[in-house]
Amino acid sequence: MKGSAVEQERGIVYIAVGASFVRDAERSARSARRQHPELPICLFSDVPSHDPVFDLKREIRTPHRRSKLDCIIETPFRDTLYLDSDTRVVGSIIEPFGLLGRYDLAACHVENRHPVSSATSRLKAESVDPGFTGFNGGVFYYRMNDGVRRFFERWAEEYKRENAKWDQPIMRKLLWEMPEVKVIAIPPEYNIRTLRGLLFRSANESEARLFHLPWYKSSGSLAWRLWRTIRTLRVYPCNAAAMIRAFFL
């Protein structure tokens, strides 16, 4: 790699708390390195990693369940791709970086929006228009500037103040309240969350770039990982019923 990571304008950041999540981050980073050997990779963690895949390593001194919210603001790069540890890079993920000359943040829409079965969907802010879909907080590109810095600061502050379990509902609320932070949705192939989205892709669709599946969470048992992954293939009966009704319209 030419030059040090600090000199790079673009890079990938992982934030992992606990030995199992650090191991997952190592595996994910190796998959990213195979696709993009030119991109520097930084790890924030409370447990040291000795994997040479990381160009930079930063210590998390006061870890908690969402240390991500404290560390994303400390990125050593101008343009950053943040990745959860339960991801695997299988194709080019470089293209959305080009959006950061016009937008501040780029991410895929969150898929779990069912108001009954999805916990993150139930935690909606009344002030947010229902048509404003949230974004998945496990894979996103961002360019550090004053507006993004303030957005990250408020995200961390509100998460702690509310003693929240999930960070995505707060992310959605703040992006609605802070229109000065320009966000754009990117295609789902950059953050495939379900087996359905992986297996049922037509020849006219873009190839998968990144998988983000429960199978990659090594902290769970084999049975739990298998079940949580397979259930993303399931069909929602109401959709099938709606399709049948539509044939007679």
Protein backbone atom coordinates (compact mmCIF):
# COMPACT_ATOMS: atom_id res chain seq x y z
CA MET A 1 0.00 0.00 0.00
CA LYS A 2 1.37 3.41 -0.94
CA GLY A 3 1.57 5.96 1.82
CA SER A 4 0.28 5.72 5.37
CA ALA A 5 -3.40 5.32 6.18
CA VAL A 6 -3.50 8.76 7.77
CA GLU A 7 -2.62 10.31 4.40
CA GLN A 8 -5.52 8.60 2.65
CA GLU A 9 -8.68 10.51 1.82
CA ARG A 10 -10.82 7.34 1.90
CA GLY A 11 -10.91 4.41 4.26
CA ILE A 12 -12.97 1.82 6.13
CA VAL A 13 -13.71 1.93 9.86
CA TYR A 14 -14.73 -0.95 12.13
CA ILE A 15 -15.80 -0.47 15.76
CA ALA A 16 -15.85 -3.66 17.83
CA VAL A 17 -16.39 -4.29 21.54
CA GLY A 18 -15.59 -7.74 22.90
CA ALA A 19 -13.34 -10.51 21.62
CA SER A 20 -15.98 -12.16 19.42
CA PHE A 21 -16.84 -8.91 17.64
CA VAL A 22 -13.15 -8.17 17.10
CA ARG A 23 -12.77 -11.60 15.47
CA ASP A 24 -15.77 -10.87 13.27
CA ALA A 25 -14.29 -7.49 12.33
CA GLU A 26 -11.03 -9.21 11.34
CA ARG A 27 -12.90 -11.58 9.04
CA SER A 28 -14.92 -8.79 7.50
CA ALA A 29 -11.83 -6.63 7.02
CA ARG A 30 -10.02 -9.46 5.25
CA SER A 31 -12.93 -9.74 2.81
CA ALA A 32 -12.73 -5.98 2.19
CA ARG A 33 -8.98 -6.17 1.71
CA ARG A 34 -9.39 -8.83 -0.99
CA GLN A 35 -11.68 -6.55 -2.96
CA HIS A 36 -9.90 -3.27 -2.27
CA PRO A 37 -6.24 -3.63 -1.28
CA GLU A 38 -5.82 0.11 -1.85
CA LEU A 39 -8.24 1.14 0.91
CA PRO A 40 -6.78 1.62 4.42
CA ILE A 41 -8.73 0.04 7.29
CA CYS A 42 -8.98 1.30 10.87
CA LEU A 43 -10.19 -0.69 13.90
CA PHE A 44 -11.54 0.84 17.10
CA SER A 45 -11.73 -1.85 19.80
CA ASP A 46 -11.45 -2.52 23.52
CA VAL A 47 -9.72 -5.86 22.87
CA PRO A 48 -6.44 -5.73 20.93
CA SER A 49 -6.24 -7.28 17.49
CA HIS A 50 -2.98 -8.60 16.10
CA ASP A 51 -4.33 -9.06 12.59
CA PRO A 52 -2.18 -7.14 10.07
CA VAL A 53 -5.27 -6.44 7.96
CA PHE A 54 -5.75 -3.24 9.98
CA ASP A 55 -3.59 -0.27 9.03
CA LEU A 56 -4.66 1.71 12.08
CA LYS A 57 -5.84 0.61 15.51
CA ARG A 58 -7.46 2.80 18.14
CA GLU A 59 -8.32 1.81 21.70
CA ILE A 60 -11.84 2.14 23.10
CA ARG A 61 -11.30 3.09 26.76
CA THR A 62 -14.92 3.15 27.95
CA PRO A 63 -16.72 0.47 25.90
CA HIS A 64 -20.48 0.04 25.84
CA ARG A 65 -23.12 -1.60 23.66
CA ARG A 66 -23.03 1.21 21.09
CA SER A 67 -19.43 2.42 21.22
CA LYS A 68 -19.94 2.99 17.52
CA LEU A 69 -21.65 6.28 18.31
CA ASP A 70 -18.61 7.53 20.22
CA CYS A 71 -16.00 6.44 17.69
CA ILE A 72 -17.39 7.18 14.23
CA ILE A 73 -16.67 10.84 14.82
CA GLU A 74 -13.00 10.00 15.39
CA THR A 75 -12.43 8.58 11.91
CA PRO A 76 -8.92 9.22 10.58
CA PHE A 77 -10.26 9.61 7.05
CA ARG A 78 -11.98 12.45 5.23
CA ASP A 79 -14.41 10.03 3.57
CA THR A 80 -15.31 6.94 5.58
CA LEU A 81 -17.18 3.69 5.03
CA TYR A 82 -18.35 2.41 8.40
CA LEU A 83 -18.98 -1.35 8.48
CA ASP A 84 -20.53 -3.52 11.18
CA SER A 85 -18.50 -6.61 12.03
CA ASP A 86 -21.18 -9.00 10.73
CA THR A 87 -20.53 -8.08 7.10
CA ARG A 88 -18.64 -9.60 4.17
CA VAL A 89 -17.47 -7.64 1.15
CA VAL A 90 -17.93 -9.67 -2.05
CA GLY A 91 -17.71 -7.02 -4.76
CA SER A 92 -16.73 -3.44 -5.41
CA ILE A 93 -17.87 -1.04 -2.68
CA ILE A 94 -15.94 1.97 -3.97
CA GLU A 95 -18.65 3.66 -6.06
CA PRO A 96 -20.70 5.34 -3.26
CA PHE A 97 -17.61 7.23 -2.13
CA GLY A 98 -18.15 9.35 -5.23
CA LEU A 99 -21.45 10.60 -3.81
CA LEU A 100 -19.73 12.29 -0.90
CA GLY A 101 -18.75 15.25 -3.03
CA ARG A 102 -22.45 16.18 -3.15
CA TYR A 103 -23.96 14.42 -0.12
CA ASP A 104 -22.83 14.09 3.50
CA LEU A 105 -24.04 10.55 4.15
CA ALA A 106 -25.00 7.60 1.94
CA ALA A 107 -26.72 4.44 3.18
CA CYS A 108 -29.33 1.81 2.29
CA HIS A 109 -32.89 2.06 3.54
CA VAL A 110 -33.66 -0.12 6.53
CA GLU A 111 -35.71 -3.15 5.48
CA ASN A 112 -37.33 -4.08 8.81
CA ARG A 113 -40.22 -1.63 8.82
CA HIS A 114 -43.16 -3.90 9.68
CA PRO A 115 -45.02 -2.09 12.51
CA VAL A 116 -45.78 -5.29 14.45
CA SER A 117 -42.82 -7.63 14.03
CA SER A 118 -39.99 -5.09 13.86
CA ALA A 119 -38.86 -3.55 17.13
CA THR A 120 -37.01 -0.70 15.43
CA SER A 121 -40.11 0.12 13.40
CA ARG A 122 -42.29 0.33 16.52
CA LEU A 123 -39.98 2.93 18.06
CA LYS A 124 -41.01 5.72 15.72
CA ALA A 125 -40.80 9.39 16.60
CA GLU A 126 -44.18 11.10 16.26
CA SER A 127 -42.49 14.16 14.76
CA VAL A 128 -41.13 12.24 11.75
CA ASP A 129 -43.25 11.99 8.63
CA PRO A 130 -44.23 8.33 8.01
CA GLY A 131 -42.95 8.61 4.45
CA PHE A 132 -39.40 9.26 5.65
CA THR A 133 -37.82 5.81 5.69
CA GLY A 134 -34.95 5.20 8.07
CA PHE A 135 -31.48 4.06 7.05
CA ASN A 136 -29.55 1.01 8.16
CA GLY A 137 -26.90 2.06 10.65
CA GLY A 138 -24.57 -0.89 10.04
CA VAL A 139 -23.21 0.17 6.65
CA PHE A 140 -22.88 3.81 5.68
CA TYR A 141 -20.55 6.23 3.93
CA TYR A 142 -19.92 9.71 5.30
CA ARG A 143 -17.73 12.77 4.86
CA MET A 144 -16.63 14.53 8.02
CA ASN A 145 -17.66 18.18 8.16
CA ASP A 146 -19.24 20.45 10.77
CA GLY A 147 -22.78 19.31 10.03
CA VAL A 148 -21.97 15.60 10.17
CA ARG A 149 -19.96 16.13 13.35
CA ARG A 150 -22.94 17.76 15.03
CA PHE A 151 -25.22 14.97 13.78
CA PHE A 152 -22.95 12.31 15.29
CA GLU A 153 -22.69 14.24 18.55
CA ARG A 154 -26.48 14.45 18.86
CA TRP A 155 -26.85 10.77 17.91
CA ALA A 156 -24.54 9.75 20.77
CA GLU A 157 -26.09 12.22 23.22
CA GLU A 158 -29.69 11.16 22.59
CA TYR A 159 -28.85 7.46 22.63
CA LYS A 160 -27.29 7.82 26.09
CA ARG A 161 -29.96 10.16 27.42
CA GLU A 162 -32.76 7.81 26.38
CA ASN A 163 -30.82 4.73 27.54
CA ALA A 164 -31.95 3.28 24.21
CA LYS A 165 -31.56 -0.28 23.04
CA TRP A 166 -31.50 0.53 19.30
CA ASP A 167 -29.74 3.41 17.60
CA GLN A 168 -31.50 3.36 14.21
CA PRO A 169 -34.75 5.05 15.35
CA ILE A 170 -32.68 7.92 16.75
CA MET A 171 -30.70 8.11 13.53
CA ARG A 172 -33.94 8.39 11.55
CA LYS A 173 -35.35 11.10 13.83
CA LEU A 174 -32.20 13.20 13.67
CA LEU A 175 -31.88 12.99 9.89
CA TRP A 176 -35.46 14.27 9.69
CA GLU A 177 -34.77 17.07 12.18
CA MET A 178 -31.44 18.04 10.58
CA PRO A 179 -32.10 18.59 6.85
CA GLU A 180 -28.78 20.38 6.62
CA VAL A 181 -27.21 16.90 6.70
CA LYS A 182 -27.67 15.77 3.11
CA VAL A 183 -28.35 12.04 2.93
CA ILE A 184 -28.88 9.83 -0.11
CA ALA A 185 -30.12 6.25 -0.40
CA ILE A 186 -27.84 3.81 -2.23
CA PRO A 187 -28.92 0.56 -3.93
CA PRO A 188 -29.57 -2.52 -1.75
CA GLU A 189 -26.69 -4.53 -3.24
CA TYR A 190 -24.34 -2.51 -1.01
CA ASN A 191 -26.03 -3.87 2.12
CA ILE A 192 -27.87 -7.14 1.52
CA ARG A 193 -29.64 -8.07 4.75
CA THR A 194 -31.68 -11.12 3.73
CA LEU A 195 -31.27 -14.44 1.95
CA ARG A 196 -34.26 -13.37 -0.10
CA GLY A 197 -32.34 -10.34 -1.36
CA LEU A 198 -29.32 -12.52 -2.07
CA LEU A 199 -30.91 -15.49 -3.84
CA PHE A 200 -33.76 -13.91 -5.75
CA ARG A 201 -31.94 -11.38 -7.90
CA SER A 202 -32.66 -11.25 -11.62
CA ALA A 203 -30.06 -10.95 -14.36
CA ASN A 204 -31.11 -7.32 -14.80
CA GLU A 205 -30.14 -6.40 -11.23
CA SER A 206 -26.69 -5.35 -10.12
CA GLU A 207 -24.54 -8.07 -8.55
CA ALA A 208 -24.26 -8.25 -4.79
CA ARG A 209 -21.50 -6.14 -3.26
CA LEU A 210 -21.83 -6.67 0.49
CA PHE A 211 -23.62 -9.18 2.73
CA HIS A 212 -24.83 -8.16 6.19
CA LEU A 213 -26.30 -11.27 7.76
CA PRO A 214 -26.80 -12.81 11.22
CA TRP A 215 -24.69 -15.80 10.10
CA TYR A 216 -21.56 -13.68 10.54
CA LYS A 217 -22.21 -12.98 14.25
CA SER A 218 -19.92 -15.52 15.88
CA SER A 219 -21.11 -14.49 19.36
CA GLY A 220 -24.31 -16.45 18.72
CA SER A 221 -24.64 -20.21 18.78
CA LEU A 222 -24.57 -22.11 15.50
CA ALA A 223 -28.28 -22.89 15.83
CA TRP A 224 -29.16 -19.23 16.53
CA ARG A 225 -27.08 -17.96 13.61
CA LEU A 226 -28.57 -20.52 11.25
CA TRP A 227 -32.15 -19.80 12.33
CA ARG A 228 -31.77 -16.01 12.24
CA THR A 229 -30.28 -16.23 8.75
CA ILE A 230 -32.78 -18.71 7.31
CA ARG A 231 -35.74 -16.72 8.60
CA THR A 232 -34.71 -13.81 6.35
CA LEU A 233 -35.86 -16.01 3.46
CA ARG A 234 -39.44 -16.20 4.70
CA VAL A 235 -42.43 -14.96 2.71
CA TYR A 236 -44.93 -12.61 4.32
CA PRO A 237 -48.41 -14.14 3.68
CA CYS A 238 -50.16 -10.78 3.38
CA ASN A 239 -47.96 -9.93 0.41
CA ALA A 240 -49.01 -13.14 -1.36
CA ALA A 241 -52.67 -12.41 -0.58
CA ALA A 242 -52.34 -8.89 -1.98
CA MET A 243 -50.76 -10.23 -5.15
CA ILE A 244 -53.62 -12.70 -5.67
CA ARG A 245 -56.21 -9.97 -5.15
CA ALA A 246 -54.40 -7.74 -7.62
CA PHE A 247 -54.90 -10.26 -10.41
CA PHE A 248 -58.63 -9.53 -10.30
CA LEU A 249 -58.42 -5.75 -10.27
